[in-house]
PDB file of all heavy atoms in Angstrom:
ATOM      1  N   VAL A   1      11.358  24.200 -12.497  1.00  0.00           N
ATOM      2  CA  VAL A   1      10.804  23.508 -11.329  1.00  0.00           C
ATOM      3  C   VAL A   1       9.942  22.333 -11.771  1.00  0.00           C
ATOM      4  O   VAL A   1       9.982  21.251 -11.168  1.00  0.00           O
ATOM      5  CB  VAL A   1       9.978  24.490 -10.457  1.00  0.00           C
ATOM      6  CG1 VAL A   1       9.195  23.730  -9.383  1.00  0.00           C
ATOM      7  CG2 VAL A   1      10.883  25.521  -9.812  1.00  0.00           C
ATOM      8  N   LEU A   2       9.182  22.526 -12.817  1.00  0.00           N
ATOM      9  CA  LEU A   2       8.346  21.448 -13.336  1.00  0.00           C
ATOM     10  C   LEU A   2       9.208  20.269 -13.788  1.00  0.00           C
ATOM     11  O   LEU A   2       8.904  19.111 -13.479  1.00  0.00           O
ATOM     12  CB  LEU A   2       7.491  21.948 -14.495  1.00  0.00           C
ATOM     13  CG  LEU A   2       6.642  20.885 -15.206  1.00  0.00           C
ATOM     14  CD1 LEU A   2       5.627  20.279 -14.250  1.00  0.00           C
ATOM     15  CD2 LEU A   2       5.943  21.483 -16.423  1.00  0.00           C
ATOM     16  N   LEU A   3      10.301  20.551 -14.500  1.00  0.00           N
ATOM     17  CA  LEU A   3      11.178  19.485 -14.981  1.00  0.00           C
ATOM     18  C   LEU A   3      11.804  18.715 -13.827  1.00  0.00           C
ATOM     19  O   LEU A   3      11.909  17.487 -13.868  1.00  0.00           O
ATOM     20  CB  LEU A   3      12.276  20.059 -15.888  1.00  0.00           C
ATOM     21  CG  LEU A   3      11.815  20.654 -17.226  1.00  0.00           C
ATOM     22  CD1 LEU A   3      13.016  21.143 -18.017  1.00  0.00           C
ATOM     23  CD2 LEU A   3      11.042  19.635 -18.038  1.00  0.00           C
ATOM     24  N   VAL A   4      12.226  19.447 -12.801  1.00  0.00           N
ATOM     25  CA  VAL A   4      12.807  18.795 -11.618  1.00  0.00           C
ATOM     26  C   VAL A   4      11.763  17.898 -10.954  1.00  0.00           C
ATOM     27  O   VAL A   4      12.051  16.775 -10.529  1.00  0.00           O
ATOM     28  CB  VAL A   4      13.332  19.848 -10.624  1.00  0.00           C
ATOM     29  CG1 VAL A   4      13.711  19.184  -9.298  1.00  0.00           C
ATOM     30  CG2 VAL A   4      14.536  20.564 -11.206  1.00  0.00           C
ATOM     31  N   THR A   5      10.542  18.404 -10.882  1.00  0.00           N
ATOM     32  CA  THR A   5       9.465  17.658 -10.232  1.00  0.00           C
ATOM     33  C   THR A   5       9.104  16.393 -11.011  1.00  0.00           C
ATOM     34  O   THR A   5       8.821  15.350 -10.419  1.00  0.00           O
ATOM     35  CB  THR A   5       8.212  18.550 -10.093  1.00  0.00           C
ATOM     36  OG1 THR A   5       8.565  19.766  -9.412  1.00  0.00           O
ATOM     37  CG2 THR A   5       7.118  17.847  -9.309  1.00  0.00           C
ATOM     38  N   LEU A   6       9.129  16.477 -12.321  1.00  0.00           N
ATOM     39  CA  LEU A   6       8.767  15.332 -13.147  1.00  0.00           C
ATOM     40  C   LEU A   6       9.837  14.245 -13.164  1.00  0.00           C
ATOM     41  O   LEU A   6       9.539  13.083 -13.432  1.00  0.00           O
ATOM     42  CB  LEU A   6       8.493  15.789 -14.589  1.00  0.00           C
ATOM     43  CG  LEU A   6       7.253  16.664 -14.800  1.00  0.00           C
ATOM     44  CD1 LEU A   6       7.173  17.129 -16.244  1.00  0.00           C
ATOM     45  CD2 LEU A   6       5.982  15.914 -14.413  1.00  0.00           C
ATOM     46  N   GLY A   7      11.084  14.632 -12.903  1.00  0.00           N
ATOM     47  CA  GLY A   7      12.165  13.649 -12.903  1.00  0.00           C
ATOM     48  C   GLY A   7      12.926  13.627 -14.221  1.00  0.00           C
ATOM     49  O   GLY A   7      12.426  14.099 -15.251  1.00  0.00           O
ATOM     50  N   PRO A   8      14.142  13.066 -14.225  1.00  0.00           N
ATOM     51  CA  PRO A   8      15.041  13.114 -15.392  1.00  0.00           C
ATOM     52  C   PRO A   8      14.461  12.504 -16.662  1.00  0.00           C
ATOM     53  O   PRO A   8      14.587  13.076 -17.743  1.00  0.00           O
ATOM     54  CB  PRO A   8      16.266  12.304 -14.922  1.00  0.00           C
ATOM     55  CG  PRO A   8      16.204  12.343 -13.439  1.00  0.00           C
ATOM     56  CD  PRO A   8      14.759  12.380 -13.080  1.00  0.00           C
ATOM     57  N   GLU A   9      13.822  11.350 -16.561  1.00  0.00           N
ATOM     58  CA  GLU A   9      13.345  10.657 -17.759  1.00  0.00           C
ATOM     59  C   GLU A   9      12.250  11.440 -18.479  1.00  0.00           C
ATOM     60  O   GLU A   9      12.311  11.658 -19.686  1.00  0.00           O
ATOM     61  CB  GLU A   9      12.822   9.268 -17.376  1.00  0.00           C
ATOM     62  CG  GLU A   9      12.481   8.406 -18.590  1.00  0.00           C
ATOM     63  CD  GLU A   9      12.105   6.981 -18.198  1.00  0.00           C
ATOM     64  OE1 GLU A   9      12.494   6.535 -17.101  1.00  0.00           O
ATOM     65  OE2 GLU A   9      11.419   6.334 -19.006  1.00  0.00           O
ATOM     66  N   LYS A  10      11.245  11.884 -17.730  1.00  0.00           N
ATOM     67  CA  LYS A  10      10.160  12.649 -18.340  1.00  0.00           C
ATOM     68  C   LYS A  10      10.640  14.029 -18.791  1.00  0.00           C
ATOM     69  O   LYS A  10      10.199  14.542 -19.823  1.00  0.00           O
ATOM     70  CB  LYS A  10       8.999  12.790 -17.361  1.00  0.00           C
ATOM     71  CG  LYS A  10       8.289  11.475 -17.070  1.00  0.00           C
ATOM     72  CD  LYS A  10       7.140  11.663 -16.093  1.00  0.00           C
ATOM     73  CE  LYS A  10       6.437  10.317 -15.820  1.00  0.00           C
ATOM     74  NZ  LYS A  10       5.344  10.458 -14.845  1.00  0.00           N
ATOM     75  N   ALA A  11      11.563  14.605 -18.019  1.00  0.00           N
ATOM     76  CA  ALA A  11      12.108  15.917 -18.379  1.00  0.00           C
ATOM     77  C   ALA A  11      12.848  15.831 -19.714  1.00  0.00           C
ATOM     78  O   ALA A  11      12.728  16.714 -20.566  1.00  0.00           O
ATOM     79  CB  ALA A  11      13.043  16.421 -17.290  1.00  0.00           C
ATOM     80  N   ALA A  12      13.608  14.757 -19.901  1.00  0.00           N
ATOM     81  CA  ALA A  12      14.346  14.574 -21.151  1.00  0.00           C
ATOM     82  C   ALA A  12      13.389  14.457 -22.330  1.00  0.00           C
ATOM     83  O   ALA A  12      13.648  14.988 -23.422  1.00  0.00           O
ATOM     84  CB  ALA A  12      15.224  13.320 -21.059  1.00  0.00           C
ATOM     85  N   GLY A  13      12.268  13.776 -22.121  1.00  0.00           N
ATOM     86  CA  GLY A  13      11.276  13.636 -23.182  1.00  0.00           C
ATOM     87  C   GLY A  13      10.682  14.975 -23.590  1.00  0.00           C
ATOM     88  O   GLY A  13      10.411  15.208 -24.768  1.00  0.00           O
ATOM     89  N   ILE A  14      10.500  15.858 -22.615  1.00  0.00           N
ATOM     90  CA  ILE A  14       9.957  17.193 -22.895  1.00  0.00           C
ATOM     91  C   ILE A  14      10.977  18.048 -23.637  1.00  0.00           C
ATOM     92  O   ILE A  14      10.653  18.744 -24.599  1.00  0.00           O
ATOM     93  CB  ILE A  14       9.536  17.888 -21.577  1.00  0.00           C
ATOM     94  CG1 ILE A  14       8.343  17.146 -20.964  1.00  0.00           C
ATOM     95  CG2 ILE A  14       9.187  19.353 -21.829  1.00  0.00           C
ATOM     96  CD1 ILE A  14       7.935  17.654 -19.604  1.00  0.00           C
ATOM     97  N   LEU A  15      12.242  17.970 -23.219  1.00  0.00           N
ATOM     98  CA  LEU A  15      13.295  18.783 -23.837  1.00  0.00           C
ATOM     99  C   LEU A  15      13.486  18.460 -25.307  1.00  0.00           C
ATOM    100  O   LEU A  15      13.899  19.311 -26.095  1.00  0.00           O
ATOM    101  CB  LEU A  15      14.614  18.580 -23.088  1.00  0.00           C
ATOM    102  CG  LEU A  15      14.705  19.201 -21.689  1.00  0.00           C
ATOM    103  CD1 LEU A  15      15.999  18.798 -21.007  1.00  0.00           C
ATOM    104  CD2 LEU A  15      14.608  20.725 -21.765  1.00  0.00           C
ATOM    105  N   LYS A  16      13.172  17.231 -25.717  1.00  0.00           N
ATOM    106  CA  LYS A  16      13.334  16.831 -27.105  1.00  0.00           C
ATOM    107  C   LYS A  16      12.462  17.667 -28.042  1.00  0.00           C
ATOM    108  O   LYS A  16      12.756  17.807 -29.228  1.00  0.00           O
ATOM    109  CB  LYS A  16      12.981  15.355 -27.282  1.00  0.00           C
ATOM    110  CG  LYS A  16      13.999  14.392 -26.678  1.00  0.00           C
ATOM    111  CD  LYS A  16      13.548  12.947 -26.873  1.00  0.00           C
ATOM    112  CE  LYS A  16      14.534  11.979 -26.234  1.00  0.00           C
ATOM    113  NZ  LYS A  16      14.087  10.560 -26.367  1.00  0.00           N
ATOM    114  N   HIS A  17      11.380  18.207 -27.497  1.00  0.00           N
ATOM    115  CA  HIS A  17      10.436  18.963 -28.324  1.00  0.00           C
ATOM    116  C   HIS A  17      10.678  20.468 -28.252  1.00  0.00           C
ATOM    117  O   HIS A  17       9.886  21.250 -28.781  1.00  0.00           O
ATOM    118  CB  HIS A  17       8.999  18.661 -27.883  1.00  0.00           C
ATOM    119  CG  HIS A  17       8.625  17.212 -28.015  1.00  0.00           C
ATOM    120  ND1 HIS A  17       8.299  16.644 -29.221  1.00  0.00           N
ATOM    121  CD2 HIS A  17       8.568  16.209 -27.096  1.00  0.00           C
ATOM    122  CE1 HIS A  17       8.032  15.360 -29.048  1.00  0.00           C
ATOM    123  NE2 HIS A  17       8.183  15.076 -27.769  1.00  0.00           N
ATOM    124  N   MET A  18      11.768  20.881 -27.620  1.00  0.00           N
ATOM    125  CA  MET A  18      12.052  22.308 -27.459  1.00  0.00           C
ATOM    126  C   MET A  18      13.174  22.764 -28.387  1.00  0.00           C
ATOM    127  O   MET A  18      13.986  21.961 -28.843  1.00  0.00           O
ATOM    128  CB  MET A  18      12.436  22.607 -26.002  1.00  0.00           C
ATOM    129  CG  MET A  18      11.294  22.438 -25.016  1.00  0.00           C
ATOM    130  SD  MET A  18      11.771  22.953 -23.354  1.00  0.00           S
ATOM    131  CE  MET A  18      10.200  22.892 -22.504  1.00  0.00           C
ATOM    132  N   SER A  19      13.215  24.061 -28.638  1.00  0.00           N
ATOM    133  CA  SER A  19      14.270  24.633 -29.473  1.00  0.00           C
ATOM    134  C   SER A  19      15.563  24.740 -28.662  1.00  0.00           C
ATOM    135  O   SER A  19      15.556  24.659 -27.426  1.00  0.00           O
ATOM    136  CB  SER A  19      13.863  26.025 -29.960  1.00  0.00           C
ATOM    137  OG  SER A  19      13.768  26.920 -28.856  1.00  0.00           O
ATOM    138  N   ASP A  20      16.672  24.936 -29.364  1.00  0.00           N
ATOM    139  CA  ASP A  20      17.969  25.067 -28.691  1.00  0.00           C
ATOM    140  C   ASP A  20      17.977  26.257 -27.731  1.00  0.00           C
ATOM    141  O   ASP A  20      18.549  26.182 -26.644  1.00  0.00           O
ATOM    142  CB  ASP A  20      19.094  25.245 -29.734  1.00  0.00           C
ATOM    143  CG  ASP A  20      19.312  23.978 -30.550  1.00  0.00           C
ATOM    144  OD1 ASP A  20      18.865  22.900 -30.091  1.00  0.00           O
ATOM    145  OD2 ASP A  20      19.934  24.063 -31.621  1.00  0.00           O
ATOM    146  N   GLU A  21      17.327  27.349 -28.148  1.00  0.00           N
ATOM    147  CA  GLU A  21      17.282  28.542 -27.302  1.00  0.00           C
ATOM    148  C   GLU A  21      16.513  28.271 -26.008  1.00  0.00           C
ATOM    149  O   GLU A  21      16.944  28.674 -24.915  1.00  0.00           O
ATOM    150  CB  GLU A  21      16.622  29.691 -28.069  1.00  0.00           C
ATOM    151  CG  GLU A  21      16.610  31.010 -27.293  1.00  0.00           C
ATOM    152  CD  GLU A  21      15.950  32.128 -28.085  1.00  0.00           C
ATOM    153  OE1 GLU A  21      15.627  31.901 -29.270  1.00  0.00           O
ATOM    154  OE2 GLU A  21      15.767  33.217 -27.505  1.00  0.00           O
ATOM    155  N   GLU A  22      15.387  27.568 -26.135  1.00  0.00           N
ATOM    156  CA  GLU A  22      14.593  27.237 -24.953  1.00  0.00           C
ATOM    157  C   GLU A  22      15.347  26.296 -24.019  1.00  0.00           C
ATOM    158  O   GLU A  22      15.317  26.455 -22.797  1.00  0.00           O
ATOM    159  CB  GLU A  22      13.270  26.603 -25.383  1.00  0.00           C
ATOM    160  CG  GLU A  22      12.317  27.566 -26.065  1.00  0.00           C
ATOM    161  CD  GLU A  22      11.129  26.869 -26.698  1.00  0.00           C
ATOM    162  OE1 GLU A  22      11.268  25.687 -27.085  1.00  0.00           O
ATOM    163  OE2 GLU A  22      10.061  27.491 -26.805  1.00  0.00           O
ATOM    164  N   ILE A  23      16.039  25.326 -24.608  1.00  0.00           N
ATOM    165  CA  ILE A  23      16.818  24.387 -23.789  1.00  0.00           C
ATOM    166  C   ILE A  23      17.933  25.111 -23.053  1.00  0.00           C
ATOM    167  O   ILE A  23      18.217  24.833 -21.879  1.00  0.00           O
ATOM    168  CB  ILE A  23      17.402  23.267 -24.690  1.00  0.00           C
ATOM    169  CG1 ILE A  23      16.266  22.385 -25.231  1.00  0.00           C
ATOM    170  CG2 ILE A  23      18.404  22.414 -23.910  1.00  0.00           C
ATOM    171  CD1 ILE A  23      16.722  21.351 -26.224  1.00  0.00           C
ATOM    172  N   GLU A  24      18.556  26.077 -23.735  1.00  0.00           N
ATOM    173  CA  GLU A  24      19.636  26.836 -23.107  1.00  0.00           C
ATOM    174  C   GLU A  24      19.129  27.623 -21.903  1.00  0.00           C
ATOM    175  O   GLU A  24      19.751  27.625 -20.826  1.00  0.00           O
ATOM    176  CB  GLU A  24      20.253  27.785 -24.137  1.00  0.00           C
ATOM    177  CG  GLU A  24      21.446  28.566 -23.600  1.00  0.00           C
ATOM    178  CD  GLU A  24      22.062  29.478 -24.642  1.00  0.00           C
ATOM    179  OE1 GLU A  24      21.808  29.263 -25.847  1.00  0.00           O
ATOM    180  OE2 GLU A  24      22.796  30.395 -24.250  1.00  0.00           O
ATOM    181  N   LYS A  25      17.971  28.276 -22.052  1.00  0.00           N
ATOM    182  CA  LYS A  25      17.399  29.043 -20.935  1.00  0.00           C
ATOM    183  C   LYS A  25      17.040  28.134 -19.766  1.00  0.00           C
ATOM    184  O   LYS A  25      17.309  28.465 -18.603  1.00  0.00           O
ATOM    185  CB  LYS A  25      16.147  29.796 -21.411  1.00  0.00           C
ATOM    186  CG  LYS A  25      16.434  30.968 -22.336  1.00  0.00           C
ATOM    187  CD  LYS A  25      15.147  31.666 -22.729  1.00  0.00           C
ATOM    188  CE  LYS A  25      15.423  32.841 -23.655  1.00  0.00           C
ATOM    189  NZ  LYS A  25      14.174  33.524 -24.070  1.00  0.00           N
ATOM    190  N   LEU A  26      16.458  26.993 -20.087  1.00  0.00           N
ATOM    191  CA  LEU A  26      16.073  26.066 -19.026  1.00  0.00           C
ATOM    192  C   LEU A  26      17.286  25.470 -18.323  1.00  0.00           C
ATOM    193  O   LEU A  26      17.277  25.260 -17.118  1.00  0.00           O
ATOM    194  CB  LEU A  26      15.209  24.938 -19.613  1.00  0.00           C
ATOM    195  CG  LEU A  26      13.722  25.255 -19.760  1.00  0.00           C
ATOM    196  CD1 LEU A  26      13.003  24.114 -20.458  1.00  0.00           C
ATOM    197  CD2 LEU A  26      13.085  25.511 -18.405  1.00  0.00           C
ATOM    198  N   THR A  27      18.337  25.220 -19.081  1.00  0.00           N
ATOM    199  CA  THR A  27      19.563  24.665 -18.495  1.00  0.00           C
ATOM    200  C   THR A  27      20.154  25.630 -17.476  1.00  0.00           C
ATOM    201  O   THR A  27      20.615  25.228 -16.404  1.00  0.00           O
ATOM    202  CB  THR A  27      20.597  24.356 -19.591  1.00  0.00           C
ATOM    203  OG1 THR A  27      20.029  23.429 -20.521  1.00  0.00           O
ATOM    204  CG2 THR A  27      21.855  23.746 -18.991  1.00  0.00           C
ATOM    205  N   LEU A  28      20.125  26.922 -17.819  1.00  0.00           N
ATOM    206  CA  LEU A  28      20.640  27.938 -16.883  1.00  0.00           C
ATOM    207  C   LEU A  28      19.814  27.962 -15.599  1.00  0.00           C
ATOM    208  O   LEU A  28      20.359  28.076 -14.494  1.00  0.00           O
ATOM    209  CB  LEU A  28      20.614  29.321 -17.548  1.00  0.00           C
ATOM    210  CG  LEU A  28      21.614  29.538 -18.694  1.00  0.00           C
ATOM    211  CD1 LEU A  28      21.382  30.884 -19.360  1.00  0.00           C
ATOM    212  CD2 LEU A  28      23.047  29.468 -18.150  1.00  0.00           C
ATOM    213  N   GLU A  29      18.487  27.857 -15.748  1.00  0.00           N
ATOM    214  CA  GLU A  29      17.622  27.852 -14.570  1.00  0.00           C
ATOM    215  C   GLU A  29      17.827  26.588 -13.739  1.00  0.00           C
ATOM    216  O   GLU A  29      17.849  26.631 -12.506  1.00  0.00           O
ATOM    217  CB  GLU A  29      16.153  27.959 -14.999  1.00  0.00           C
ATOM    218  CG  GLU A  29      15.744  29.323 -15.518  1.00  0.00           C
ATOM    219  CD  GLU A  29      15.838  30.407 -14.456  1.00  0.00           C
ATOM    220  OE1 GLU A  29      15.701  30.086 -13.253  1.00  0.00           O
ATOM    221  OE2 GLU A  29      16.082  31.562 -14.826  1.00  0.00           O
ATOM    222  N   LEU A  30      17.968  25.460 -14.421  1.00  0.00           N
ATOM    223  CA  LEU A  30      18.186  24.198 -13.706  1.00  0.00           C
ATOM    224  C   LEU A  30      19.486  24.236 -12.915  1.00  0.00           C
ATOM    225  O   LEU A  30      19.586  23.667 -11.812  1.00  0.00           O
ATOM    226  CB  LEU A  30      18.208  23.025 -14.698  1.00  0.00           C
ATOM    227  CG  LEU A  30      16.852  22.627 -15.292  1.00  0.00           C
ATOM    228  CD1 LEU A  30      17.036  21.685 -16.475  1.00  0.00           C
ATOM    229  CD2 LEU A  30      15.979  21.970 -14.230  1.00  0.00           C
ATOM    230  N   ALA A  31      20.487  24.903 -13.505  1.00  0.00           N
ATOM    231  CA  ALA A  31      21.782  24.979 -12.819  1.00  0.00           C
ATOM    232  C   ALA A  31      21.697  25.804 -11.536  1.00  0.00           C
ATOM    233  O   ALA A  31      22.483  25.605 -10.596  1.00  0.00           O
ATOM    234  CB  ALA A  31      22.825  25.584 -13.761  1.00  0.00           C
ATOM    235  N   LYS A  32      20.741  26.738 -11.481  1.00  0.00           N
ATOM    236  CA  LYS A  32      20.592  27.600 -10.300  1.00  0.00           C
ATOM    237  C   LYS A  32      19.841  26.894  -9.170  1.00  0.00           C
ATOM    238  O   LYS A  32      19.918  27.310  -8.018  1.00  0.00           O
ATOM    239  CB  LYS A  32      19.820  28.875 -10.676  1.00  0.00           C
ATOM    240  CG  LYS A  32      20.518  29.759 -11.695  1.00  0.00           C
ATOM    241  CD  LYS A  32      19.615  30.933 -12.054  1.00  0.00           C
ATOM    242  CE  LYS A  32      20.188  31.766 -13.180  1.00  0.00           C
ATOM    243  NZ  LYS A  32      19.268  32.875 -13.561  1.00  0.00           N
ATOM    244  N   ILE A  33      19.091  25.853  -9.531  1.00  0.00           N
ATOM    245  CA  ILE A  33      18.236  25.198  -8.542  1.00  0.00           C
ATOM    246  C   ILE A  33      19.052  24.249  -7.670  1.00  0.00           C
ATOM    247  O   ILE A  33      19.777  23.394  -8.171  1.00  0.00           O
ATOM    248  CB  ILE A  33      17.088  24.419  -9.231  1.00  0.00           C
ATOM    249  CG1 ILE A  33      16.147  25.399  -9.934  1.00  0.00           C
ATOM    250  CG2 ILE A  33      16.309  23.587  -8.216  1.00  0.00           C
ATOM    251  CD1 ILE A  33      15.028  24.728 -10.702  1.00  0.00           C
ATOM    252  N   ASP A  34      18.948  24.424  -6.376  1.00  0.00           N
ATOM    253  CA  ASP A  34      19.618  23.530  -5.430  1.00  0.00           C
ATOM    254  C   ASP A  34      18.605  22.526  -4.905  1.00  0.00           C
ATOM    255  O   ASP A  34      18.709  21.324  -5.137  1.00  0.00           O
ATOM    256  CB  ASP A  34      20.224  24.343  -4.283  1.00  0.00           C
ATOM    257  CG  ASP A  34      20.972  23.434  -3.305  1.00  0.00           C
ATOM    258  OD1 ASP A  34      21.316  22.306  -3.694  1.00  0.00           O
ATOM    259  OD2 ASP A  34      21.197  23.868  -2.164  1.00  0.00           O
ATOM    260  N   LYS A  35      17.604  23.031  -4.228  1.00  0.00           N
ATOM    261  CA  LYS A  35      16.543  22.188  -3.708  1.00  0.00           C
ATOM    262  C   LYS A  35      15.213  22.898  -3.899  1.00  0.00           C
ATOM    263  O   LYS A  35      15.087  24.089  -3.624  1.00  0.00           O
ATOM    264  CB  LYS A  35      16.779  21.911  -2.218  1.00  0.00           C
ATOM    265  CG  LYS A  35      15.747  20.971  -1.606  1.00  0.00           C
ATOM    266  CD  LYS A  35      16.051  20.708  -0.134  1.00  0.00           C
ATOM    267  CE  LYS A  35      15.012  19.767   0.473  1.00  0.00           C
ATOM    268  NZ  LYS A  35      15.268  19.515   1.906  1.00  0.00           N
ATOM    269  N   VAL A  36      14.222  22.172  -4.389  1.00  0.00           N
ATOM    270  CA  VAL A  36      12.911  22.752  -4.635  1.00  0.00           C
ATOM    271  C   VAL A  36      11.987  22.436  -3.465  1.00  0.00           C
ATOM    272  O   VAL A  36      11.722  21.267  -3.179  1.00  0.00           O
ATOM    273  CB  VAL A  36      12.280  22.188  -5.935  1.00  0.00           C
ATOM    274  CG1 VAL A  36      10.925  22.843  -6.188  1.00  0.00           C
ATOM    275  CG2 VAL A  36      13.208  22.420  -7.116  1.00  0.00           C
TER     276      VAL A  36
END
């Protein structure tokens, strides 16, 4: 939800500092989100 709220550009900057496992978990959650 935080990544969606921050927007694509800032979200991408945050993901760069995460591990592959963390990115995978977040990607699954992002895919479930329709509207926040």
